[in-house]
Amino acid sequence: MLDRHEAHDNLNQKVRDPREAAAPAERPVPDREVPLPGVSAADQTAGAVQLWLDGEATEAEARAENDHAVAFWMRVHADAGVMREAKAPAHLTANIMAALPATPPVVNAPLAD
């Protein structure tokens, strides 16, 4: 690990690795929500649409704030429901099972170091 084989090995140590000299700043543990670039903190507050998605507001309140967003999320819910109900054709399962080998593969012993 001491011999890094980098092109700048012959440079002065202080110039070469300033990251190691600086003490890392204490940073808080990130929350689950990551702020999006270009979105102000005022835009991140929970509006009626978000409260409706969380089950804490009525659909009428959400539609009053942003009818397009409610229509979008209603469509997402409907499309996801259709996808959840989709079943694979019976012949697909049979083809997959037929393609599997009858016996499990033999695993070779690991190579010696």
PDB file of N, CA and C in Angstrom:
ATOM      1  N   MET A   1       0.801  -1.186   0.000  1.00  0.00           N
ATOM      2  CA  MET A   1       0.000   0.000   0.000  1.00  0.00           C
ATOM      3  C   MET A   1       0.861   1.275   0.000  1.00  0.00           C
ATOM      4  N   LEU A   2       2.080   1.165   0.441  1.00  0.00           N
ATOM      5  CA  LEU A   2       2.917   2.348   0.481  1.00  0.00           C
ATOM      6  C   LEU A   2       3.404   2.731  -0.907  1.00  0.00           C
ATOM      7  N   ASP A   3       3.579   1.769  -1.783  1.00  0.00           N
ATOM      8  CA  ASP A   3       4.058   2.032  -3.133  1.00  0.00           C
ATOM      9  C   ASP A   3       2.844   2.079  -4.053  1.00  0.00           C
ATOM     10  N   ARG A   4       2.358   3.295  -4.345  1.00  0.00           N
ATOM     11  CA  ARG A   4       1.099   3.440  -5.071  1.00  0.00           C
ATOM     12  C   ARG A   4       1.263   3.443  -6.573  1.00  0.00           C
ATOM     13  N   HIS A   5       2.479   3.559  -7.082  1.00  0.00           N
ATOM     14  CA  HIS A   5       2.746   3.522  -8.525  1.00  0.00           C
ATOM     15  C   HIS A   5       1.920   4.547  -9.289  1.00  0.00           C
ATOM     16  N   GLU A   6       1.902   5.755  -8.803  1.00  0.00           N
ATOM     17  CA  GLU A   6       1.170   6.804  -9.487  1.00  0.00           C
ATOM     18  C   GLU A   6       2.152   7.741 -10.179  1.00  0.00           C
ATOM     19  N   ALA A   7       1.677   8.433 -11.181  1.00  0.00           N
ATOM     20  CA  ALA A   7       2.545   9.290 -11.986  1.00  0.00           C
ATOM     21  C   ALA A   7       3.118  10.449 -11.191  1.00  0.00           C
ATOM     22  N   HIS A   8       2.481  10.858 -10.149  1.00  0.00           N
ATOM     23  CA  HIS A   8       2.963  11.998  -9.378  1.00  0.00           C
ATOM     24  C   HIS A   8       3.689  11.569  -8.094  1.00  0.00           C
ATOM     25  N   ASP A   9       4.298  10.387  -8.093  1.00  0.00           N
ATOM     26  CA  ASP A   9       4.992   9.894  -6.909  1.00  0.00           C
ATOM     27  C   ASP A   9       6.199  10.746  -6.541  1.00  0.00           C
ATOM     28  N   ASN A  10       6.819  11.394  -7.517  1.00  0.00           N
ATOM     29  CA  ASN A  10       8.037  12.157  -7.229  1.00  0.00           C
ATOM     30  C   ASN A  10       7.728  13.586  -6.756  1.00  0.00           C
ATOM     31  N   LEU A  11       6.462  13.964  -6.639  1.00  0.00           N
ATOM     32  CA  LEU A  11       6.099  15.301  -6.182  1.00  0.00           C
ATOM     33  C   LEU A  11       6.219  15.407  -4.674  1.00  0.00           C
ATOM     34  N   ASN A  12       6.261  16.621  -4.192  1.00  0.00           N
ATOM     35  CA  ASN A  12       6.313  16.898  -2.767  1.00  0.00           C
ATOM     36  C   ASN A  12       5.068  16.308  -2.098  1.00  0.00           C
ATOM     37  N   GLN A  13       5.222  15.683  -0.959  1.00  0.00           N
ATOM     38  CA  GLN A  13       4.113  15.033  -0.255  1.00  0.00           C
ATOM     39  C   GLN A  13       3.012  16.034   0.095  1.00  0.00           C
ATOM     40  N   LYS A  14       3.372  17.254   0.501  1.00  0.00           N
ATOM     41  CA  LYS A  14       2.365  18.242   0.867  1.00  0.00           C
ATOM     42  C   LYS A  14       1.529  18.646  -0.329  1.00  0.00           C
ATOM     43  N   VAL A  15       2.137  18.723  -1.484  1.00  0.00           N
ATOM     44  CA  VAL A  15       1.416  19.097  -2.692  1.00  0.00           C
ATOM     45  C   VAL A  15       0.639  17.903  -3.229  1.00  0.00           C
ATOM     46  N   ARG A  16       1.169  16.720  -3.048  1.00  0.00           N
ATOM     47  CA  ARG A  16       0.601  15.518  -3.658  1.00  0.00           C
ATOM     48  C   ARG A  16      -0.729  15.114  -3.038  1.00  0.00           C
ATOM     49  N   ASP A  17      -0.847  15.125  -1.740  1.00  0.00           N
ATOM     50  CA  ASP A  17      -2.040  14.600  -1.092  1.00  0.00           C
ATOM     51  C   ASP A  17      -2.594  15.568  -0.051  1.00  0.00           C
ATOM     52  N   PRO A  18      -3.183  16.670  -0.455  1.00  0.00           N
ATOM     53  CA  PRO A  18      -3.715  17.605   0.542  1.00  0.00           C
ATOM     54  C   PRO A  18      -4.941  17.050   1.259  1.00  0.00           C
ATOM     55  N   ARG A  19      -5.615  16.046   0.671  1.00  0.00           N
ATOM     56  CA  ARG A  19      -6.810  15.476   1.308  1.00  0.00           C
ATOM     57  C   ARG A  19      -6.471  14.771   2.605  1.00  0.00           C
ATOM     58  N   GLU A  20      -5.309  14.135   2.668  1.00  0.00           N
ATOM     59  CA  GLU A  20      -4.934  13.400   3.863  1.00  0.00           C
ATOM     60  C   GLU A  20      -4.571  14.336   5.007  1.00  0.00           C
ATOM     61  N   ALA A  21      -4.054  15.528   4.695  1.00  0.00           N
ATOM     62  CA  ALA A  21      -3.637  16.465   5.724  1.00  0.00           C
ATOM     63  C   ALA A  21      -4.839  17.138   6.378  1.00  0.00           C
ATOM     64  N   ALA A  22      -5.888  17.400   5.617  1.00  0.00           N
ATOM     65  CA  ALA A  22      -7.050  18.092   6.160  1.00  0.00           C
ATOM     66  C   ALA A  22      -7.905  17.119   6.963  1.00  0.00           C
ATOM     67  N   ALA A  23      -8.330  17.587   8.126  1.00  0.00           N
ATOM     68  CA  ALA A  23      -9.211  16.759   8.955  1.00  0.00           C
ATOM     69  C   ALA A  23     -10.604  16.745   8.324  1.00  0.00           C
ATOM     70  N   PRO A  24     -11.235  15.592   8.252  1.00  0.00           N
ATOM     71  CA  PRO A  24     -12.570  15.543   7.653  1.00  0.00           C
ATOM     72  C   PRO A  24     -13.565  16.309   8.514  1.00  0.00           C
ATOM     73  N   ALA A  25     -14.398  17.098   7.874  1.00  0.00           N
ATOM     74  CA  ALA A  25     -15.411  17.867   8.594  1.00  0.00           C
ATOM     75  C   ALA A  25     -16.503  16.923   9.088  1.00  0.00           C
ATOM     76  N   GLU A  26     -17.005  17.201  10.260  1.00  0.00           N
ATOM     77  CA  GLU A  26     -18.099  16.393  10.791  1.00  0.00           C
ATOM     78  C   GLU A  26     -19.361  16.703  10.003  1.00  0.00           C
ATOM     79  N   ARG A  27     -19.933  15.673   9.435  1.00  0.00           N
ATOM     80  CA  ARG A  27     -21.142  15.854   8.640  1.00  0.00           C
ATOM     81  C   ARG A  27     -22.251  15.051   9.281  1.00  0.00           C
ATOM     82  N   PRO A  28     -23.457  15.591   9.301  1.00  0.00           N
ATOM     83  CA  PRO A  28     -24.563  14.834   9.896  1.00  0.00           C
ATOM     84  C   PRO A  28     -24.913  13.627   9.033  1.00  0.00           C
ATOM     85  N   VAL A  29     -25.453  12.620   9.668  1.00  0.00           N
ATOM     86  CA  VAL A  29     -25.894  11.431   8.942  1.00  0.00           C
ATOM     87  C   VAL A  29     -27.063  11.841   8.057  1.00  0.00           C
ATOM     88  N   PRO A  30     -27.017  11.505   6.775  1.00  0.00           N
ATOM     89  CA  PRO A  30     -28.089  11.943   5.877  1.00  0.00           C
ATOM     90  C   PRO A  30     -29.425  11.293   6.238  1.00  0.00           C
ATOM     91  N   ASP A  31     -30.458  12.049   6.017  1.00  0.00           N
ATOM     92  CA  ASP A  31     -31.794  11.544   6.244  1.00  0.00           C
ATOM     93  C   ASP A  31     -32.206  10.700   5.040  1.00  0.00           C
ATOM     94  N   ARG A  32     -33.344  10.109   5.086  1.00  0.00           N
ATOM     95  CA  ARG A  32     -33.794   9.287   3.965  1.00  0.00           C
ATOM     96  C   ARG A  32     -34.087  10.130   2.733  1.00  0.00           C
ATOM     97  N   GLU A  33     -34.490  11.365   2.921  1.00  0.00           N
ATOM     98  CA  GLU A  33     -34.810  12.219   1.792  1.00  0.00           C
ATOM     99  C   GLU A  33     -33.581  13.010   1.386  1.00  0.00           C
ATOM    100  N   VAL A  34     -33.269  12.978   0.111  1.00  0.00           N
ATOM    101  CA  VAL A  34     -32.113  13.689  -0.414  1.00  0.00           C
ATOM    102  C   VAL A  34     -32.631  14.898  -1.189  1.00  0.00           C
ATOM    103  N   PRO A  35     -32.135  16.105  -0.868  1.00  0.00           N
ATOM    104  CA  PRO A  35     -32.623  17.276  -1.599  1.00  0.00           C
ATOM    105  C   PRO A  35     -32.206  17.224  -3.061  1.00  0.00           C
ATOM    106  N   LEU A  36     -33.107  17.616  -3.924  1.00  0.00           N
ATOM    107  CA  LEU A  36     -32.839  17.621  -5.347  1.00  0.00           C
ATOM    108  C   LEU A  36     -32.203  18.946  -5.737  1.00  0.00           C
ATOM    109  N   PRO A  37     -31.220  18.921  -6.626  1.00  0.00           N
ATOM    110  CA  PRO A  37     -30.616  20.180  -7.044  1.00  0.00           C
ATOM    111  C   PRO A  37     -31.629  21.031  -7.806  1.00  0.00           C
ATOM    112  N   GLY A  38     -31.630  22.316  -7.520  1.00  0.00           N
ATOM    113  CA  GLY A  38     -32.531  23.227  -8.197  1.00  0.00           C
ATOM    114  C   GLY A  38     -33.913  23.301  -7.590  1.00  0.00           C
ATOM    115  N   VAL A  39     -34.150  22.604  -6.484  1.00  0.00           N
ATOM    116  CA  VAL A  39     -35.450  22.640  -5.823  1.00  0.00           C
ATOM    117  C   VAL A  39     -35.271  23.346  -4.497  1.00  0.00           C
ATOM    118  N   SER A  40     -36.027  24.412  -4.290  1.00  0.00           N
ATOM    119  CA  SER A  40     -35.869  25.172  -3.056  1.00  0.00           C
ATOM    120  C   SER A  40     -36.522  24.444  -1.896  1.00  0.00           C
ATOM    121  N   ALA A  41     -36.164  24.857  -0.680  1.00  0.00           N
ATOM    122  CA  ALA A  41     -36.725  24.232   0.519  1.00  0.00           C
ATOM    123  C   ALA A  41     -38.227  24.468   0.587  1.00  0.00           C
ATOM    124  N   ALA A  42     -38.710  25.609   0.064  1.00  0.00           N
ATOM    125  CA  ALA A  42     -40.141  25.890   0.086  1.00  0.00           C
ATOM    126  C   ALA A  42     -40.912  24.897  -0.778  1.00  0.00           C
ATOM    127  N   ASP A  43     -40.276  24.427  -1.859  1.00  0.00           N
ATOM    128  CA  ASP A  43     -40.935  23.464  -2.744  1.00  0.00           C
ATOM    129  C   ASP A  43     -40.974  22.067  -2.139  1.00  0.00           C
ATOM    130  N   GLN A  44     -40.166  21.811  -1.128  1.00  0.00           N
ATOM    131  CA  GLN A  44     -40.082  20.477  -0.542  1.00  0.00           C
ATOM    132  C   GLN A  44     -41.075  20.276   0.595  1.00  0.00           C
ATOM    133  N   THR A  45     -41.791  21.317   0.980  1.00  0.00           N
ATOM    134  CA  THR A  45     -42.752  21.156   2.070  1.00  0.00           C
ATOM    135  C   THR A  45     -43.875  20.252   1.600  1.00  0.00           C
ATOM    136  N   ALA A  46     -44.461  19.526   2.522  1.00  0.00           N
ATOM    137  CA  ALA A  46     -45.514  18.581   2.186  1.00  0.00           C
ATOM    138  C   ALA A  46     -46.786  19.335   1.864  1.00  0.00           C
ATOM    139  N   GLY A  47     -47.183  19.274   0.607  1.00  0.00           N
ATOM    140  CA  GLY A  47     -48.418  19.910   0.177  1.00  0.00           C
ATOM    141  C   GLY A  47     -49.578  18.947   0.319  1.00  0.00           C
ATOM    142  N   ALA A  48     -50.731  19.395  -0.145  1.00  0.00           N
ATOM    143  CA  ALA A  48     -51.934  18.580  -0.030  1.00  0.00           C
ATOM    144  C   ALA A  48     -51.825  17.298  -0.846  1.00  0.00           C
ATOM    145  N   VAL A  49     -51.127  17.356  -1.981  1.00  0.00           N
ATOM    146  CA  VAL A  49     -50.982  16.146  -2.808  1.00  0.00           C
ATOM    147  C   VAL A  49     -50.161  15.106  -2.062  1.00  0.00           C
ATOM    148  N   GLN A  50     -49.048  15.535  -1.450  1.00  0.00           N
ATOM    149  CA  GLN A  50     -48.220  14.600  -0.692  1.00  0.00           C
ATOM    150  C   GLN A  50     -48.991  14.047   0.505  1.00  0.00           C
ATOM    151  N   LEU A  51     -49.725  14.907   1.176  1.00  0.00           N
ATOM    152  CA  LEU A  51     -50.530  14.445   2.309  1.00  0.00           C
ATOM    153  C   LEU A  51     -51.584  13.450   1.841  1.00  0.00           C
ATOM    154  N   TRP A  52     -52.174  13.672   0.667  1.00  0.00           N
ATOM    155  CA  TRP A  52     -53.151  12.732   0.122  1.00  0.00           C
ATOM    156  C   TRP A  52     -52.492  11.393  -0.205  1.00  0.00           C
ATOM    157  N   LEU A  53     -51.294  11.438  -0.795  1.00  0.00           N
ATOM    158  CA  LEU A  53     -50.582  10.192  -1.094  1.00  0.00           C
ATOM    159  C   LEU A  53     -50.231   9.438   0.177  1.00  0.00           C
ATOM    160  N   ASP A  54     -49.968  10.170   1.259  1.00  0.00           N
ATOM    161  CA  ASP A  54     -49.656   9.547   2.542  1.00  0.00           C
ATOM    162  C   ASP A  54     -50.910   9.100   3.284  1.00  0.00           C
ATOM    163  N   GLY A  55     -52.101   9.432   2.760  1.00  0.00           N
ATOM    164  CA  GLY A  55     -53.350   9.045   3.406  1.00  0.00           C
ATOM    165  C   GLY A  55     -53.767  10.002   4.503  1.00  0.00           C
ATOM    166  N   GLU A  56     -53.216  11.210   4.514  1.00  0.00           N
ATOM    167  CA  GLU A  56     -53.511  12.165   5.576  1.00  0.00           C
ATOM    168  C   GLU A  56     -54.405  13.303   5.110  1.00  0.00           C
ATOM    169  N   ALA A  57     -54.817  13.319   3.857  1.00  0.00           N
ATOM    170  CA  ALA A  57     -55.703  14.365   3.335  1.00  0.00           C
ATOM    171  C   ALA A  57     -56.676  13.717   2.360  1.00  0.00           C
ATOM    172  N   THR A  58     -57.731  14.449   2.037  1.00  0.00           N
ATOM    173  CA  THR A  58     -58.725  13.916   1.114  1.00  0.00           C
ATOM    174  C   THR A  58     -58.311  14.201  -0.330  1.00  0.00           C
ATOM    175  N   GLU A  59     -58.904  13.452  -1.237  1.00  0.00           N
ATOM    176  CA  GLU A  59     -58.614  13.661  -2.655  1.00  0.00           C
ATOM    177  C   GLU A  59     -59.081  15.041  -3.103  1.00  0.00           C
ATOM    178  N   ALA A  60     -60.182  15.523  -2.543  1.00  0.00           N
ATOM    179  CA  ALA A  60     -60.695  16.843  -2.912  1.00  0.00           C
ATOM    180  C   ALA A  60     -59.694  17.937  -2.539  1.00  0.00           C
ATOM    181  N   GLU A  61     -59.076  17.825  -1.375  1.00  0.00           N
ATOM    182  CA  GLU A  61     -58.072  18.806  -0.964  1.00  0.00           C
ATOM    183  C   GLU A  61     -56.868  18.777  -1.904  1.00  0.00           C
ATOM    184  N   ALA A  62     -56.454  17.570  -2.295  1.00  0.00           N
ATOM    185  CA  ALA A  62     -55.312  17.439  -3.201  1.00  0.00           C
ATOM    186  C   ALA A  62     -55.649  17.984  -4.575  1.00  0.00           C
ATOM    187  N   ARG A  63     -56.866  17.705  -5.063  1.00  0.00           N
ATOM    188  CA  ARG A  63     -57.269  18.211  -6.382  1.00  0.00           C
ATOM    189  C   ARG A  63     -57.355  19.734  -6.382  1.00  0.00           C
ATOM    190  N   ALA A  64     -57.747  20.314  -5.267  1.00  0.00           N
ATOM    191  CA  ALA A  64     -57.825  21.776  -5.177  1.00  0.00           C
ATOM    192  C   ALA A  64     -56.435  22.392  -5.316  1.00  0.00           C
ATOM    193  N   GLU A  65     -55.418  21.706  -4.804  1.00  0.00           N
ATOM    194  CA  GLU A  65     -54.059  22.240  -4.894  1.00  0.00           C
ATOM    195  C   GLU A  65     -53.442  21.999  -6.271  1.00  0.00           C
ATOM    196  N   ASN A  66     -53.554  20.748  -6.794  1.00  0.00           N
ATOM    197  CA  ASN A  66     -52.900  20.417  -8.057  1.00  0.00           C
ATOM    198  C   ASN A  66     -53.646  19.250  -8.697  1.00  0.00           C
ATOM    199  N   ASP A  67     -54.591  19.578  -9.556  1.00  0.00           N
ATOM    200  CA  ASP A  67     -55.415  18.551 -10.195  1.00  0.00           C
ATOM    201  C   ASP A  67     -54.599  17.654 -11.114  1.00  0.00           C
ATOM    202  N   HIS A  68     -53.578  18.217 -11.792  1.00  0.00           N
ATOM    203  CA  HIS A  68     -52.758  17.417 -12.714  1.00  0.00           C
ATOM    204  C   HIS A  68     -51.956  16.359 -11.953  1.00  0.00           C
ATOM    205  N   ALA A  69     -51.422  16.708 -10.792  1.00  0.00           N
ATOM    206  CA  ALA A  69     -50.652  15.746 -10.006  1.00  0.00           C
ATOM    207  C   ALA A  69     -51.544  14.617  -9.508  1.00  0.00           C
ATOM    208  N   VAL A  70     -52.763  14.949  -9.090  1.00  0.00           N
ATOM    209  CA  VAL A  70     -53.688  13.909  -8.622  1.00  0.00           C
ATOM    210  C   VAL A  70     -54.050  12.983  -9.774  1.00  0.00           C
ATOM    211  N   ALA A  71     -54.309  13.544 -10.943  1.00  0.00           N
ATOM    212  CA  ALA A  71     -54.630  12.710 -12.112  1.00  0.00           C
ATOM    213  C   ALA A  71     -53.458  11.806 -12.460  1.00  0.00           C
ATOM    214  N   PHE A  72     -52.235  12.346 -12.378  1.00  0.00           N
ATOM    215  CA  PHE A  72     -51.043  11.538 -12.653  1.00  0.00           C
ATOM    216  C   PHE A  72     -50.945  10.365 -11.687  1.00  0.00           C
ATOM    217  N   TRP A  73     -51.076  10.622 -10.386  1.00  0.00           N
ATOM    218  CA  TRP A  73     -50.933   9.550  -9.398  1.00  0.00           C
ATOM    219  C   TRP A  73     -52.089   8.553  -9.458  1.00  0.00           C
ATOM    220  N   MET A  74     -53.263   9.004  -9.853  1.00  0.00           N
ATOM    221  CA  MET A  74     -54.382   8.065 -10.047  1.00  0.00           C
ATOM    222  C   MET A  74     -54.075   7.130 -11.217  1.00  0.00           C
ATOM    223  N   ARG A  75     -53.471   7.673 -12.273  1.00  0.00           N
ATOM    224  CA  ARG A  75     -53.108   6.860 -13.437  1.00  0.00           C
ATOM    225  C   ARG A  75     -52.000   5.870 -13.070  1.00  0.00           C
ATOM    226  N   VAL A  76     -51.014   6.322 -12.301  1.00  0.00           N
ATOM    227  CA  VAL A  76     -49.941   5.426 -11.847  1.00  0.00           C
ATOM    228  C   VAL A  76     -50.531   4.285 -11.033  1.00  0.00           C
ATOM    229  N   HIS A  77     -51.463   4.609 -10.148  1.00  0.00           N
ATOM    230  CA  HIS A  77     -52.098   3.571  -9.320  1.00  0.00           C
ATOM    231  C   HIS A  77     -52.859   2.560 -10.183  1.00  0.00           C
ATOM    232  N   ALA A  78     -53.599   3.061 -11.165  1.00  0.00           N
ATOM    233  CA  ALA A  78     -54.360   2.158 -12.044  1.00  0.00           C
ATOM    234  C   ALA A  78     -53.427   1.282 -12.869  1.00  0.00           C
ATOM    235  N   ASP A  79     -52.374   1.884 -13.451  1.00  0.00           N
ATOM    236  CA  ASP A  79     -51.435   1.105 -14.275  1.00  0.00           C
ATOM    237  C   ASP A  79     -50.688   0.076 -13.437  1.00  0.00           C
ATOM    238  N   ALA A  80     -50.304   0.430 -12.233  1.00  0.00           N
ATOM    239  CA  ALA A  80     -49.605  -0.522 -11.363  1.00  0.00           C
ATOM    240  C   ALA A  80     -50.521  -1.678 -10.990  1.00  0.00           C
ATOM    241  N   GLY A  81     -51.805  -1.394 -10.795  1.00  0.00           N
ATOM    242  CA  GLY A  81     -52.758  -2.455 -10.485  1.00  0.00           C
ATOM    243  C   GLY A  81     -52.886  -3.447 -11.622  1.00  0.00           C
ATOM    244  N   VAL A  82     -52.894  -2.944 -12.856  1.00  0.00           N
ATOM    245  CA  VAL A  82     -52.957  -3.827 -14.023  1.00  0.00           C
ATOM    246  C   VAL A  82     -51.711  -4.702 -14.089  1.00  0.00           C
ATOM    247  N   MET A  83     -50.551  -4.101 -13.835  1.00  0.00           N
ATOM    248  CA  MET A  83     -49.301  -4.869 -13.886  1.00  0.00           C
ATOM    249  C   MET A  83     -49.221  -5.906 -12.771  1.00  0.00           C
ATOM    250  N   ARG A  84     -49.764  -5.580 -11.595  1.00  0.00           N
ATOM    251  CA  ARG A  84     -49.752  -6.549 -10.490  1.00  0.00           C
ATOM    252  C   ARG A  84     -50.607  -7.770 -10.807  1.00  0.00           C
ATOM    253  N   GLU A  85     -51.661  -7.573 -11.574  1.00  0.00           N
ATOM    254  CA  GLU A  85     -52.579  -8.666 -11.896  1.00  0.00           C
ATOM    255  C   GLU A  85     -52.119  -9.502 -13.091  1.00  0.00           C
ATOM    256  N   ALA A  86     -51.095  -9.065 -13.801  1.00  0.00           N
ATOM    257  CA  ALA A  86     -50.639  -9.789 -14.997  1.00  0.00           C
ATOM    258  C   ALA A  86     -50.048 -11.136 -14.597  1.00  0.00           C
ATOM    259  N   LYS A  87     -50.401 -12.160 -15.315  1.00  0.00           N
ATOM    260  CA  LYS A  87     -49.909 -13.522 -15.063  1.00  0.00           C
ATOM    261  C   LYS A  87     -49.085 -13.986 -16.260  1.00  0.00           C
ATOM    262  N   ALA A  88     -48.048 -14.738 -15.969  1.00  0.00           N
ATOM    263  CA  ALA A  88     -47.231 -15.305 -17.044  1.00  0.00           C
ATOM    264  C   ALA A  88     -48.008 -16.439 -17.705  1.00  0.00           C
ATOM    265  N   PRO A  89     -47.863 -16.621 -19.018  1.00  0.00           N
ATOM    266  CA  PRO A  89     -48.542 -17.736 -19.683  1.00  0.00           C
ATOM    267  C   PRO A  89     -48.056 -19.073 -19.130  1.00  0.00           C
ATOM    268  N   ALA A  90     -48.929 -20.067 -19.125  1.00  0.00           N
ATOM    269  CA  ALA A  90     -48.601 -21.376 -18.569  1.00  0.00           C
ATOM    270  C   ALA A  90     -47.425 -22.016 -19.298  1.00  0.00           C
ATOM    271  N   HIS A  91     -47.348 -21.843 -20.609  1.00  0.00           N
ATOM    272  CA  HIS A  91     -46.261 -22.470 -21.356  1.00  0.00           C
ATOM    273  C   HIS A  91     -44.907 -21.858 -21.010  1.00  0.00           C
ATOM    274  N   LEU A  92     -44.878 -20.612 -20.553  1.00  0.00           N
ATOM    275  CA  LEU A  92     -43.621 -19.987 -20.191  1.00  0.00           C
ATOM    276  C   LEU A  92     -42.993 -20.695 -18.987  1.00  0.00           C
ATOM    277  N   THR A  93     -43.794 -20.980 -17.985  1.00  0.00           N
ATOM    278  CA  THR A  93     -43.297 -21.700 -16.805  1.00  0.00           C
ATOM    279  C   THR A  93     -42.797 -23.079 -17.204  1.00  0.00           C
ATOM    280  N   ALA A  94     -43.535 -23.766 -18.063  1.00  0.00           N
ATOM    281  CA  ALA A  94     -43.124 -25.105 -18.508  1.00  0.00           C
ATOM    282  C   ALA A  94     -41.803 -25.030 -19.279  1.00  0.00           C
ATOM    283  N   ASN A  95     -41.625 -24.027 -20.111  1.00  0.00           N
ATOM    284  CA  ASN A  95     -40.376 -23.876 -20.871  1.00  0.00           C
ATOM    285  C   ASN A  95     -39.191 -23.607 -19.939  1.00  0.00           C
ATOM    286  N   ILE A  96     -39.403 -22.789 -18.930  1.00  0.00           N
ATOM    287  CA  ILE A  96     -38.324 -22.497 -17.984  1.00  0.00           C
ATOM    288  C   ILE A  96     -37.928 -23.755 -17.226  1.00  0.00           C
ATOM    289  N   MET A  97     -38.898 -24.497 -16.745  1.00  0.00           N
ATOM    290  CA  MET A  97     -38.600 -25.715 -15.990  1.00  0.00           C
ATOM    291  C   MET A  97     -37.922 -26.765 -16.872  1.00  0.00           C
ATOM    292  N   ALA A  98     -38.302 -26.842 -18.137  1.00  0.00           N
ATOM    293  CA  ALA A  98     -37.686 -27.798 -19.053  1.00  0.00           C
ATOM    294  C   ALA A  98     -36.241 -27.424 -19.357  1.00  0.00           C
ATOM    295  N   ALA A  99     -35.921 -26.150 -19.313  1.00  0.00           N
ATOM    296  CA  ALA A  99     -34.555 -25.706 -19.613  1.00  0.00           C
ATOM    297  C   ALA A  99     -33.598 -25.927 -18.447  1.00  0.00           C
ATOM    298  N   LEU A 100     -34.111 -26.147 -17.250  1.00  0.00           N
ATOM    299  CA  LEU A 100     -33.238 -26.365 -16.095  1.00  0.00           C
ATOM    300  C   LEU A 100     -32.611 -27.753 -16.165  1.00  0.00           C
ATOM    301  N   PRO A 101     -31.357 -27.906 -15.739  1.00  0.00           N
ATOM    302  CA  PRO A 101     -30.738 -29.231 -15.758  1.00  0.00           C
ATOM    303  C   PRO A 101     -31.398 -30.152 -14.730  1.00  0.00           C
ATOM    304  N   ALA A 102     -31.366 -31.446 -15.030  1.00  0.00           N
ATOM    305  CA  ALA A 102     -31.996 -32.432 -14.150  1.00  0.00           C
ATOM    306  C   ALA A 102     -31.228 -32.575 -12.842  1.00  0.00           C
ATOM    307  N   THR A 103     -29.914 -32.437 -12.896  1.00  0.00           N
ATOM    308  CA  THR A 103     -29.096 -32.552 -11.680  1.00  0.00           C
ATOM    309  C   THR A 103     -28.421 -31.216 -11.426  1.00  0.00           C
ATOM    310  N   PRO A 104     -28.156 -30.896 -10.169  1.00  0.00           N
ATOM    311  CA  PRO A 104     -27.474 -29.629  -9.893  1.00  0.00           C
ATOM    312  C   PRO A 104     -26.063 -29.654 -10.420  1.00  0.00           C
ATOM    313  N   PRO A 105     -25.509 -28.515 -10.807  1.00  0.00           N
ATOM    314  CA  PRO A 105     -24.145 -28.472 -11.324  1.00  0.00           C
ATOM    315  C   PRO A 105     -23.144 -28.832 -10.244  1.00  0.00           C
ATOM    316  N   VAL A 106     -22.034 -29.419 -10.656  1.00  0.00           N
ATOM    317  CA  VAL A 106     -20.962 -29.785  -9.729  1.00  0.00           C
ATOM    318  C   VAL A 106     -20.090 -28.558  -9.522  1.00  0.00           C
ATOM    319  N   VAL A 107     -19.889 -28.206  -8.274  1.00  0.00           N
ATOM    320  CA  VAL A 107     -19.069 -27.067  -7.964  1.00  0.00           C
ATOM    321  C   VAL A 107     -17.671 -27.576  -7.656  1.00  0.00           C
ATOM    322  N   ASN A 108     -16.686 -27.058  -8.395  1.00  0.00           N
ATOM    323  CA  ASN A 108     -15.304 -27.476  -8.164  1.00  0.00           C
ATOM    324  C   ASN A 108     -14.785 -26.847  -6.887  1.00  0.00           C
ATOM    325  N   ALA A 109     -13.827 -27.520  -6.278  1.00  0.00           N
ATOM    326  CA  ALA A 109     -13.203 -26.981  -5.078  1.00  0.00           C
ATOM    327  C   ALA A 109     -12.477 -25.695  -5.432  1.00  0.00           C
ATOM    328  N   PRO A 110     -12.411 -24.732  -4.528  1.00  0.00           N
ATOM    329  CA  PRO A 110     -11.700 -23.481  -4.831  1.00  0.00           C
ATOM    330  C   PRO A 110     -10.228 -23.733  -5.065  1.00  0.00           C
ATOM    331  N   LEU A 111      -9.648 -22.907  -5.909  1.00  0.00           N
ATOM    332  CA  LEU A 111      -8.229 -23.030  -6.224  1.00  0.00           C
ATOM    333  C   LEU A 111      -7.390 -22.644  -5.020  1.00  0.00           C
ATOM    334  N   ALA A 112      -6.262 -23.297  -4.882  1.00  0.00           N
ATOM    335  CA  ALA A 112      -5.334 -22.971  -3.786  1.00  0.00           C
ATOM    336  C   ALA A 112      -4.669 -21.642  -4.086  1.00  0.00           C
ATOM    337  N   ASP A 113      -4.442 -20.851  -3.047  1.00  0.00           N
ATOM    338  CA  ASP A 113      -3.777 -19.561  -3.233  1.00  0.00           C
ATOM    339  C   ASP A 113      -2.318 -19.707  -3.491  1.00  0.00           C
TER     340      ASP A 113
END
